[in-house]
Amino acid sequence: MFVPFNKLPDHARVWIYQSNQTFDENQISFLTKDLENFLSQWTAHNQELEASFDLPYYRFIVLAVNEKKLKASGCSIDTSVRYIKKIENKMGVILLDKMNVIFKNNNSLVSKSLESFKKMFKEKQIHSETIVFNNLVNTVKEYKNIWEVELKNSWHNRFIKNNL
């Protein structure tokens, strides 16, 4: 059962997929309709999940489920990953590559491979206060409060901490 994202409780579980490129208006329109359709039919053990999505910065897909109503099962999570793979194919984007880092640089978002990101830090092109996106957050509350975080406070810092 699809619900508006702002109607989900803070404890709702989230999964975040980042795109290797910014979505254009047509892609956002497509995603909005397609995600609503998918989430309206998403189930666990043949029961509807209370679910929603967010598309922040035209760059991320955030799926969320109110697991107090019904937990997402392994099979339902697998179904969502297959769905994300279909989106990748339909739109020609990469959403499942975890070895890329997206960070803020002035007023824009930059996507770099982890190796390039580490090199940029070493060359002082980014710093410990650079805002990165912590796609490992688990709940809507964490998404709202610690998804955008300074590099020094993120899991990303383990890759550059020798240089802090």
Foldseek 3Di string as FASTA:
>chain_A
DEDEPVPADQFWWKFKWWKQDAADPVLVVVCVVVVRVCLQCQDAPPHRWYKYWDCPPSTMIMITTRCVVPNQDPVSVVVVVVVVVVSCVVVVIDGPDPQWWWWDDPHDIDIDGLVVVLVCVVVVVDHQQTWTAASPDTGNNCNVPPRTGGNVPHPSCVSNVVPD
